[in-house]
Amino acid sequence: MRTSTAEPAARGALLLGGCAILVLFGWVMLRMARLVTRPVHTLSEAVKSVEGGDFDTARAMLPAVPSADEIGTLTRDVDTMLGQIDTLIHENYEKQLLLQDTRYKMLQAQINPHFLYNTLSTLSWLVRAGKNEEAGRLIINLGDMLRAAFSPKQNTTAAADVQLVRSYIDIQ
């Protein structure tokens, strides 16, 4: 049996063509697989940054316009969930600040009458003892303290705070 030289060349070309088609098919399949795995990987990375408490980075990782498939639906749901969690955290923080402020005011309301009663008792004792100069200073310091306590200004200077502390120490 005689074979022509064209047959081995045809076989080689056919084999090479089959390999090229196989490589091309593999490349196309890899690209298609990445279309599915890339959004899932992005969601996974966003969730990991949420675990670290970084909501802004997680929301920035999500695509601006999610796809119309199941991954897009999941992406929109994750974005909605992150917004709700962020809102709840801020509301909780504000409530904690309000609670802390309320506790402070309650404690201040309990302390202020005792301070005032003790100061007035001291003032009474100084007047009875004839220490009028000391009583006068005590009245001035008490006036400074009361003026600062009832002042609507929230911000004061360091010098005013130092003077207030001096008045308090003098009273004590």
N, C-alpha and C. Protein backbone atom coordinates (compact mmCIF):
# COMPACT_ATOMS: atom_id res chain seq x y z
N MET A 1 0.81 -1.14 0.00
CA MET A 1 0.00 0.00 0.00
C MET A 1 0.88 1.24 0.00
N ARG A 2 0.51 2.07 -0.85
CA ARG A 2 1.31 3.24 -1.06
C ARG A 2 0.57 4.46 -0.54
N THR A 3 1.26 5.28 0.27
CA THR A 3 0.64 6.50 0.78
C THR A 3 1.30 7.69 0.15
N SER A 4 0.53 8.64 -0.08
CA SER A 4 1.10 9.84 -0.68
C SER A 4 1.62 10.74 0.43
N THR A 5 2.45 11.64 0.07
CA THR A 5 3.02 12.57 1.06
C THR A 5 1.99 13.59 1.52
N ALA A 6 0.90 13.67 0.79
CA ALA A 6 -0.12 14.62 1.16
C ALA A 6 -0.93 14.14 2.37
N GLU A 7 -1.02 12.81 2.53
CA GLU A 7 -1.81 12.27 3.65
C GLU A 7 -1.21 12.64 5.00
N PRO A 8 0.09 12.44 5.25
CA PRO A 8 0.63 12.84 6.56
C PRO A 8 0.50 14.35 6.78
N ALA A 9 0.64 15.13 5.75
CA ALA A 9 0.51 16.57 5.89
C ALA A 9 -0.93 16.94 6.23
N ALA A 10 -1.88 16.23 5.60
CA ALA A 10 -3.29 16.48 5.87
C ALA A 10 -3.63 16.07 7.29
N ARG A 11 -3.06 14.92 7.71
CA ARG A 11 -3.29 14.47 9.08
C ARG A 11 -2.73 15.49 10.06
N GLY A 12 -1.55 16.00 9.83
CA GLY A 12 -0.91 17.00 10.70
C GLY A 12 -1.72 18.28 10.75
N ALA A 13 -2.20 18.70 9.59
CA ALA A 13 -3.01 19.92 9.54
C ALA A 13 -4.33 19.72 10.27
N LEU A 14 -4.89 18.51 10.08
CA LEU A 14 -6.15 18.19 10.76
C LEU A 14 -5.94 18.15 12.27
N LEU A 15 -4.85 17.54 12.70
CA LEU A 15 -4.52 17.46 14.13
C LEU A 15 -4.25 18.86 14.71
N LEU A 16 -3.50 19.66 13.97
CA LEU A 16 -3.21 21.02 14.40
C LEU A 16 -4.49 21.85 14.45
N GLY A 17 -5.35 21.69 13.47
CA GLY A 17 -6.63 22.40 13.45
C GLY A 17 -7.51 21.98 14.62
N GLY A 18 -7.53 20.68 14.92
CA GLY A 18 -8.32 20.17 16.05
C GLY A 18 -7.80 20.73 17.37
N CYS A 19 -6.47 20.78 17.50
CA CYS A 19 -5.87 21.35 18.73
C CYS A 19 -6.22 22.83 18.84
N ALA A 20 -6.15 23.56 17.73
CA ALA A 20 -6.47 24.99 17.75
C ALA A 20 -7.93 25.20 18.15
N ILE A 21 -8.82 24.37 17.62
CA ILE A 21 -10.23 24.48 17.98
C ILE A 21 -10.42 24.18 19.46
N LEU A 22 -9.72 23.17 19.96
CA LEU A 22 -9.80 22.80 21.37
C LEU A 22 -9.30 23.94 22.27
N VAL A 23 -8.18 24.56 21.91
CA VAL A 23 -7.63 25.68 22.69
C VAL A 23 -8.61 26.86 22.64
N LEU A 24 -9.15 27.16 21.46
CA LEU A 24 -10.12 28.24 21.32
C LEU A 24 -11.36 27.96 22.15
N PHE A 25 -11.83 26.73 22.14
CA PHE A 25 -13.00 26.34 22.94
C PHE A 25 -12.70 26.51 24.43
N GLY A 26 -11.52 26.11 24.86
CA GLY A 26 -11.12 26.26 26.27
C GLY A 26 -11.06 27.73 26.67
N TRP A 27 -10.52 28.56 25.77
CA TRP A 27 -10.43 30.00 26.06
C TRP A 27 -11.82 30.62 26.18
N VAL A 28 -12.73 30.26 25.29
CA VAL A 28 -14.10 30.77 25.32
C VAL A 28 -14.78 30.31 26.61
N MET A 29 -14.60 29.08 27.01
CA MET A 29 -15.21 28.56 28.24
C MET A 29 -14.65 29.29 29.47
N LEU A 30 -13.36 29.56 29.47
CA LEU A 30 -12.74 30.29 30.57
C LEU A 30 -13.32 31.70 30.68
N ARG A 31 -13.48 32.39 29.55
CA ARG A 31 -14.08 33.72 29.55
C ARG A 31 -15.52 33.69 30.06
N MET A 32 -16.26 32.69 29.65
CA MET A 32 -17.65 32.55 30.10
C MET A 32 -17.71 32.27 31.60
N ALA A 33 -16.80 31.44 32.08
CA ALA A 33 -16.77 31.13 33.51
C ALA A 33 -16.45 32.39 34.32
N ARG A 34 -15.56 33.24 33.80
CA ARG A 34 -15.21 34.47 34.51
C ARG A 34 -16.39 35.44 34.57
N LEU A 35 -17.28 35.38 33.60
CA LEU A 35 -18.47 36.22 33.63
C LEU A 35 -19.34 35.90 34.84
N VAL A 36 -19.30 34.65 35.29
CA VAL A 36 -20.08 34.24 36.46
C VAL A 36 -19.27 34.42 37.74
N THR A 37 -18.01 34.02 37.71
CA THR A 37 -17.23 34.03 38.96
C THR A 37 -16.78 35.42 39.38
N ARG A 38 -16.56 36.34 38.45
CA ARG A 38 -16.10 37.69 38.82
C ARG A 38 -17.12 38.41 39.70
N PRO A 39 -18.42 38.46 39.35
CA PRO A 39 -19.38 39.12 40.25
C PRO A 39 -19.50 38.43 41.61
N VAL A 40 -19.41 37.12 41.61
CA VAL A 40 -19.47 36.39 42.88
C VAL A 40 -18.25 36.72 43.73
N HIS A 41 -17.09 36.81 43.10
CA HIS A 41 -15.86 37.15 43.81
C HIS A 41 -15.96 38.58 44.36
N THR A 42 -16.52 39.50 43.57
CA THR A 42 -16.70 40.89 44.02
C THR A 42 -17.62 40.95 45.24
N LEU A 43 -18.72 40.21 45.20
CA LEU A 43 -19.63 40.16 46.35
C LEU A 43 -18.92 39.60 47.58
N SER A 44 -18.13 38.57 47.36
CA SER A 44 -17.39 37.95 48.47
C SER A 44 -16.42 38.95 49.09
N GLU A 45 -15.71 39.71 48.28
CA GLU A 45 -14.77 40.71 48.79
C GLU A 45 -15.52 41.83 49.52
N ALA A 46 -16.68 42.21 49.01
CA ALA A 46 -17.47 43.25 49.68
C ALA A 46 -17.92 42.78 51.05
N VAL A 47 -18.34 41.53 51.15
CA VAL A 47 -18.78 40.98 52.44
C VAL A 47 -17.61 40.91 53.41
N LYS A 48 -16.42 40.58 52.90
CA LYS A 48 -15.24 40.55 53.78
C LYS A 48 -14.92 41.94 54.33
N SER A 49 -15.09 42.97 53.52
CA SER A 49 -14.81 44.31 54.03
C SER A 49 -15.89 44.75 55.02
N VAL A 50 -17.12 44.23 54.87
CA VAL A 50 -18.17 44.51 55.85
C VAL A 50 -17.82 43.87 57.18
N GLU A 51 -17.26 42.68 57.14
CA GLU A 51 -16.85 42.01 58.38
C GLU A 51 -15.85 42.86 59.15
N GLY A 52 -15.03 43.64 58.42
CA GLY A 52 -14.07 44.53 59.06
C GLY A 52 -14.69 45.86 59.47
N GLY A 53 -15.98 46.06 59.16
CA GLY A 53 -16.68 47.28 59.55
C GLY A 53 -16.58 48.40 58.54
N ASP A 54 -16.06 48.13 57.35
CA ASP A 54 -15.88 49.17 56.34
C ASP A 54 -17.01 49.11 55.32
N PHE A 55 -18.12 49.79 55.63
CA PHE A 55 -19.30 49.76 54.77
C PHE A 55 -19.09 50.56 53.49
N ASP A 56 -18.36 51.67 53.59
CA ASP A 56 -18.16 52.52 52.42
C ASP A 56 -17.38 51.79 51.33
N THR A 57 -16.31 51.10 51.73
CA THR A 57 -15.53 50.34 50.76
C THR A 57 -16.36 49.22 50.16
N ALA A 58 -17.15 48.55 50.98
CA ALA A 58 -17.98 47.45 50.50
C ALA A 58 -18.98 47.96 49.46
N ARG A 59 -19.60 49.09 49.74
CA ARG A 59 -20.58 49.64 48.79
C ARG A 59 -19.89 50.13 47.53
N ALA A 60 -18.66 50.63 47.64
CA ALA A 60 -17.92 51.08 46.46
C ALA A 60 -17.51 49.91 45.57
N MET A 61 -17.34 48.73 46.15
CA MET A 61 -16.95 47.54 45.38
C MET A 61 -18.09 47.04 44.49
N LEU A 62 -19.32 47.29 44.93
CA LEU A 62 -20.47 46.79 44.18
C LEU A 62 -20.64 47.59 42.89
N PRO A 63 -21.06 46.93 41.82
CA PRO A 63 -21.24 47.66 40.56
C PRO A 63 -22.38 48.67 40.66
N ALA A 64 -22.21 49.78 39.93
CA ALA A 64 -23.23 50.83 39.96
C ALA A 64 -24.54 50.35 39.35
N VAL A 65 -24.43 49.57 38.29
CA VAL A 65 -25.62 49.03 37.63
C VAL A 65 -25.48 47.51 37.62
N PRO A 66 -26.11 46.83 38.57
CA PRO A 66 -26.01 45.36 38.60
C PRO A 66 -26.68 44.73 37.39
N SER A 67 -26.22 43.55 37.06
CA SER A 67 -26.79 42.84 35.91
C SER A 67 -28.22 42.39 36.23
N ALA A 68 -28.90 41.90 35.21
CA ALA A 68 -30.31 41.53 35.37
C ALA A 68 -30.49 40.08 35.79
N ASP A 69 -29.40 39.38 36.04
CA ASP A 69 -29.50 37.96 36.41
C ASP A 69 -29.56 37.81 37.93
N GLU A 70 -29.41 36.57 38.40
CA GLU A 70 -29.50 36.28 39.83
C GLU A 70 -28.39 36.97 40.62
N ILE A 71 -27.21 37.07 40.03
CA ILE A 71 -26.09 37.73 40.71
C ILE A 71 -26.42 39.22 40.88
N GLY A 72 -27.04 39.82 39.88
CA GLY A 72 -27.45 41.22 39.98
C GLY A 72 -28.48 41.42 41.08
N THR A 73 -29.43 40.50 41.19
CA THR A 73 -30.44 40.56 42.24
C THR A 73 -29.76 40.47 43.61
N LEU A 74 -28.83 39.55 43.73
CA LEU A 74 -28.09 39.39 44.99
C LEU A 74 -27.27 40.65 45.30
N THR A 75 -26.68 41.24 44.28
CA THR A 75 -25.90 42.47 44.47
C THR A 75 -26.79 43.61 44.96
N ARG A 76 -27.96 43.77 44.36
CA ARG A 76 -28.89 44.82 44.80
C ARG A 76 -29.33 44.57 46.24
N ASP A 77 -29.59 43.31 46.58
CA ASP A 77 -30.01 42.98 47.95
C ASP A 77 -28.90 43.26 48.96
N VAL A 78 -27.66 42.95 48.60
CA VAL A 78 -26.53 43.22 49.48
C VAL A 78 -26.38 44.73 49.67
N ASP A 79 -26.52 45.50 48.59
CA ASP A 79 -26.42 46.96 48.69
C ASP A 79 -27.51 47.52 49.60
N THR A 80 -28.73 47.03 49.45
CA THR A 80 -29.84 47.46 50.31
C THR A 80 -29.56 47.10 51.76
N MET A 81 -29.08 45.89 51.99
CA MET A 81 -28.76 45.45 53.35
C MET A 81 -27.68 46.32 53.97
N LEU A 82 -26.64 46.67 53.21
CA LEU A 82 -25.57 47.51 53.73
C LEU A 82 -26.11 48.90 54.10
N GLY A 83 -27.00 49.43 53.28
CA GLY A 83 -27.60 50.72 53.61
C GLY A 83 -28.41 50.66 54.89
N GLN A 84 -29.18 49.60 55.07
CA GLN A 84 -29.99 49.46 56.27
C GLN A 84 -29.12 49.27 57.51
N ILE A 85 -28.08 48.46 57.40
CA ILE A 85 -27.17 48.25 58.53
C ILE A 85 -26.48 49.56 58.90
N ASP A 86 -26.03 50.31 57.89
CA ASP A 86 -25.37 51.58 58.14
C ASP A 86 -26.32 52.55 58.86
N THR A 87 -27.57 52.59 58.42
CA THR A 87 -28.58 53.45 59.06
C THR A 87 -28.80 53.02 60.51
N LEU A 88 -28.92 51.72 60.75
CA LEU A 88 -29.13 51.23 62.11
C LEU A 88 -27.95 51.55 63.02
N ILE A 89 -26.75 51.44 62.49
CA ILE A 89 -25.56 51.75 63.30
C ILE A 89 -25.56 53.23 63.69
N HIS A 90 -25.87 54.10 62.72
CA HIS A 90 -25.88 55.53 63.04
C HIS A 90 -27.00 55.87 64.03
N GLU A 91 -28.17 55.26 63.86
CA GLU A 91 -29.26 55.50 64.81
C GLU A 91 -28.88 55.02 66.20
N ASN A 92 -28.24 53.85 66.28
CA ASN A 92 -27.81 53.31 67.58
C ASN A 92 -26.77 54.22 68.21
N TYR A 93 -25.85 54.73 67.41
CA TYR A 93 -24.81 55.63 67.92
C TYR A 93 -25.44 56.90 68.50
N GLU A 94 -26.40 57.46 67.76
CA GLU A 94 -27.08 58.67 68.25
C GLU A 94 -27.86 58.39 69.53
N LYS A 95 -28.49 57.23 69.61
CA LYS A 95 -29.23 56.87 70.83
C LYS A 95 -28.27 56.68 72.00
N GLN A 96 -27.10 56.10 71.75
CA GLN A 96 -26.12 55.92 72.81
C GLN A 96 -25.62 57.28 73.32
N LEU A 97 -25.41 58.23 72.39
CA LEU A 97 -24.99 59.57 72.81
C LEU A 97 -26.07 60.24 73.64
N LEU A 98 -27.32 60.10 73.19
CA LEU A 98 -28.44 60.68 73.94
C LEU A 98 -28.55 60.05 75.33
N LEU A 99 -28.40 58.73 75.41
CA LEU A 99 -28.45 58.03 76.69
C LEU A 99 -27.32 58.50 77.61
N GLN A 100 -26.13 58.63 77.06
CA GLN A 100 -24.99 59.09 77.85
C GLN A 100 -25.22 60.51 78.35
N ASP A 101 -25.75 61.37 77.49
CA ASP A 101 -26.04 62.75 77.89
C ASP A 101 -27.11 62.79 78.98
N THR A 102 -28.12 61.94 78.84
CA THR A 102 -29.19 61.88 79.84
C THR A 102 -28.65 61.41 81.18
N ARG A 103 -27.81 60.40 81.16
CA ARG A 103 -27.20 59.92 82.42
C ARG A 103 -26.36 61.01 83.06
N TYR A 104 -25.61 61.73 82.24
CA TYR A 104 -24.78 62.82 82.76
C TYR A 104 -25.65 63.89 83.42
N LYS A 105 -26.73 64.25 82.75
CA LYS A 105 -27.62 65.28 83.31
C LYS A 105 -28.30 64.80 84.58
N MET A 106 -28.65 63.51 84.64
CA MET A 106 -29.24 62.98 85.87
C MET A 106 -28.25 63.03 87.02
N LEU A 107 -27.00 62.65 86.73
CA LEU A 107 -25.97 62.69 87.77
C LEU A 107 -25.71 64.13 88.20
N GLN A 108 -25.69 65.03 87.22
CA GLN A 108 -25.47 66.44 87.53
C GLN A 108 -26.62 66.99 88.38
N ALA A 109 -27.84 66.57 88.07
CA ALA A 109 -28.99 67.03 88.85
C ALA A 109 -28.93 66.52 90.28
N GLN A 110 -28.35 65.33 90.48
CA GLN A 110 -28.22 64.80 91.84
C GLN A 110 -27.12 65.51 92.61
N ILE A 111 -26.04 65.86 91.92
CA ILE A 111 -24.89 66.46 92.59
C ILE A 111 -25.13 67.94 92.90
N ASN A 112 -25.73 68.67 91.97
CA ASN A 112 -25.89 70.11 92.13
C ASN A 112 -26.58 70.52 93.43
N PRO A 113 -27.70 69.91 93.81
CA PRO A 113 -28.32 70.32 95.08
C PRO A 113 -27.40 70.10 96.29
N HIS A 114 -26.67 68.99 96.30
CA HIS A 114 -25.77 68.73 97.43
C HIS A 114 -24.67 69.78 97.48
N PHE A 115 -24.13 70.11 96.33
CA PHE A 115 -23.08 71.12 96.26
C PHE A 115 -23.62 72.47 96.77
N LEU A 116 -24.80 72.82 96.30
CA LEU A 116 -25.39 74.10 96.70
C LEU A 116 -25.71 74.11 98.20
N TYR A 117 -26.29 73.02 98.71
CA TYR A 117 -26.60 72.96 100.15
C TYR A 117 -25.34 73.05 100.99
N ASN A 118 -24.31 72.33 100.57
CA ASN A 118 -23.05 72.37 101.34
C ASN A 118 -22.42 73.76 101.30
N THR A 119 -22.49 74.40 100.14
CA THR A 119 -21.91 75.74 100.02
C THR A 119 -22.68 76.74 100.88
N LEU A 120 -24.00 76.64 100.86
CA LEU A 120 -24.79 77.54 101.69
C LEU A 120 -24.55 77.29 103.18
N SER A 121 -24.36 76.05 103.56
CA SER A 121 -24.05 75.74 104.97
C SER A 121 -22.70 76.33 105.35
N THR A 122 -21.73 76.22 104.46
CA THR A 122 -20.42 76.80 104.72
C THR A 122 -20.51 78.31 104.85
N LEU A 123 -21.29 78.92 103.94
CA LEU A 123 -21.49 80.37 103.97
C LEU A 123 -22.14 80.79 105.29
N SER A 124 -23.13 80.05 105.74
CA SER A 124 -23.80 80.34 107.02
C SER A 124 -22.80 80.25 108.16
N TRP A 125 -21.97 79.23 108.15
CA TRP A 125 -20.99 79.06 109.21
C TRP A 125 -19.99 80.21 109.21
N LEU A 126 -19.53 80.65 108.00
CA LEU A 126 -18.57 81.75 107.91
C LEU A 126 -19.17 83.05 108.44
N VAL A 127 -20.43 83.32 108.13
CA VAL A 127 -21.09 84.54 108.61
C VAL A 127 -21.22 84.50 110.13
N ARG A 128 -21.63 83.37 110.69
CA ARG A 128 -21.77 83.24 112.15
C ARG A 128 -20.44 83.38 112.85
N ALA A 129 -19.38 82.91 112.16
CA ALA A 129 -18.05 82.98 112.76
C ALA A 129 -17.44 84.37 112.59
N GLY A 130 -18.11 85.26 111.87
CA GLY A 130 -17.60 86.61 111.70
C GLY A 130 -16.54 86.72 110.62
N LYS A 131 -16.43 85.73 109.78
CA LYS A 131 -15.43 85.75 108.71
C LYS A 131 -16.09 86.30 107.45
N ASN A 132 -16.41 87.58 107.53
CA ASN A 132 -17.18 88.21 106.45
C ASN A 132 -16.40 88.31 105.14
N GLU A 133 -15.10 88.53 105.21
CA GLU A 133 -14.30 88.63 103.99
C GLU A 133 -14.28 87.29 103.24
N GLU A 134 -14.10 86.21 103.99
CA GLU A 134 -14.13 84.88 103.38
C GLU A 134 -15.52 84.57 102.84
N ALA A 135 -16.55 84.99 103.57
CA ALA A 135 -17.94 84.77 103.13
C ALA A 135 -18.19 85.53 101.83
N GLY A 136 -17.66 86.74 101.72
CA GLY A 136 -17.82 87.53 100.50
C GLY A 136 -17.17 86.84 99.30
N ARG A 137 -15.94 86.32 99.51
CA ARG A 137 -15.26 85.59 98.42
C ARG A 137 -16.05 84.36 98.02
N LEU A 138 -16.61 83.67 99.02
CA LEU A 138 -17.40 82.48 98.75
C LEU A 138 -18.64 82.83 97.93
N ILE A 139 -19.28 83.95 98.25
CA ILE A 139 -20.47 84.37 97.50
C ILE A 139 -20.08 84.69 96.05
N ILE A 140 -18.95 85.37 95.86
CA ILE A 140 -18.49 85.69 94.49
C ILE A 140 -18.19 84.41 93.71
N ASN A 141 -17.49 83.47 94.36
CA ASN A 141 -17.17 82.20 93.69
C ASN A 141 -18.44 81.40 93.36
N LEU A 142 -19.39 81.41 94.30
CA LEU A 142 -20.65 80.71 94.04
C LEU A 142 -21.40 81.37 92.89
N GLY A 143 -21.37 82.68 92.83
CA GLY A 143 -22.00 83.39 91.71
C GLY A 143 -21.36 83.02 90.38
N ASP A 144 -20.01 82.94 90.37
CA ASP A 144 -19.31 82.53 89.14
C ASP A 144 -19.73 81.12 88.72
N MET A 145 -19.82 80.23 89.70
CA MET A 145 -20.20 78.84 89.40
C MET A 145 -21.62 78.77 88.85
N LEU A 146 -22.55 79.48 89.49
CA LEU A 146 -23.94 79.46 89.05
C LEU A 146 -24.09 80.12 87.67
N ARG A 147 -23.35 81.20 87.44
CA ARG A 147 -23.40 81.87 86.14
C ARG A 147 -22.92 80.91 85.04
N ALA A 148 -21.86 80.17 85.32
CA ALA A 148 -21.34 79.21 84.34
C ALA A 148 -22.31 78.05 84.13
N ALA A 149 -22.95 77.60 85.20
CA ALA A 149 -23.87 76.46 85.11
C ALA A 149 -25.11 76.80 84.31
N PHE A 150 -25.59 78.03 84.43
CA PHE A 150 -26.83 78.41 83.75
C PHE A 150 -26.60 79.17 82.45
N SER A 151 -25.35 79.31 82.05
CA SER A 151 -25.03 80.03 80.82
C SER A 151 -25.46 79.21 79.61
N PRO A 152 -26.10 79.84 78.61
CA PRO A 152 -26.51 79.09 77.42
C PRO A 152 -25.34 78.77 76.50
N LYS A 153 -24.18 79.42 76.71
CA LYS A 153 -23.02 79.17 75.85
C LYS A 153 -22.47 77.77 76.11
N GLN A 154 -22.21 77.04 75.03
CA GLN A 154 -21.65 75.70 75.15
C GLN A 154 -20.12 75.74 75.17
N ASN A 155 -19.53 76.67 74.43
CA ASN A 155 -18.07 76.74 74.31
C ASN A 155 -17.54 77.87 75.18
N THR A 156 -16.47 77.58 75.90
CA THR A 156 -15.82 78.59 76.73
C THR A 156 -14.34 78.58 76.41
N THR A 157 -13.65 79.57 76.94
CA THR A 157 -12.20 79.63 76.76
C THR A 157 -11.51 78.83 77.85
N ALA A 158 -10.25 78.54 77.62
CA ALA A 158 -9.48 77.81 78.62
C ALA A 158 -9.33 78.65 79.89
N ALA A 159 -9.14 79.94 79.72
CA ALA A 159 -8.99 80.83 80.88
C ALA A 159 -10.26 80.83 81.73
N ALA A 160 -11.43 80.84 81.06
CA ALA A 160 -12.69 80.82 81.80
C ALA A 160 -12.85 79.49 82.54
N ASP A 161 -12.44 78.39 81.90
CA ASP A 161 -12.52 77.09 82.56
C ASP A 161 -11.59 77.03 83.77
N VAL A 162 -10.39 77.58 83.63
CA VAL A 162 -9.44 77.60 84.75
C VAL A 162 -10.00 78.42 85.91
N GLN A 163 -10.60 79.57 85.58
CA GLN A 163 -11.19 80.41 86.62
C GLN A 163 -12.34 79.68 87.31
N LEU A 164 -13.14 78.95 86.55
CA LEU A 164 -14.25 78.18 87.10
C LEU A 164 -13.74 77.10 88.05
N VAL A 165 -12.67 76.43 87.67
CA VAL A 165 -12.08 75.40 88.53
C VAL A 165 -11.53 76.04 89.80
N ARG A 166 -10.91 77.21 89.68
CA ARG A 166 -10.39 77.91 90.87
C ARG A 166 -11.54 78.27 91.82
N SER A 167 -12.64 78.74 91.23
CA SER A 167 -13.80 79.08 92.06
C SER A 167 -14.32 77.85 92.79
N TYR A 168 -14.39 76.74 92.09
CA TYR A 168 -14.86 75.49 92.69
C TYR A 168 -13.93 75.06 93.83
N ILE A 169 -12.63 75.13 93.59
CA ILE A 169 -11.66 74.72 94.63
C ILE A 169 -11.75 75.65 95.84
N ASP A 170 -11.90 76.96 95.58
CA ASP A 170 -12.05 77.89 96.70
C ASP A 170 -13.29 77.55 97.53
N ILE A 171 -14.37 77.21 96.87
CA ILE A 171 -15.60 76.87 97.58
C ILE A 171 -15.39 75.61 98.42
N GLN A 172 -14.72 74.64 97.87
CA GLN A 172 -14.50 73.39 98.58
C GLN A 172 -13.53 73.61 99.75
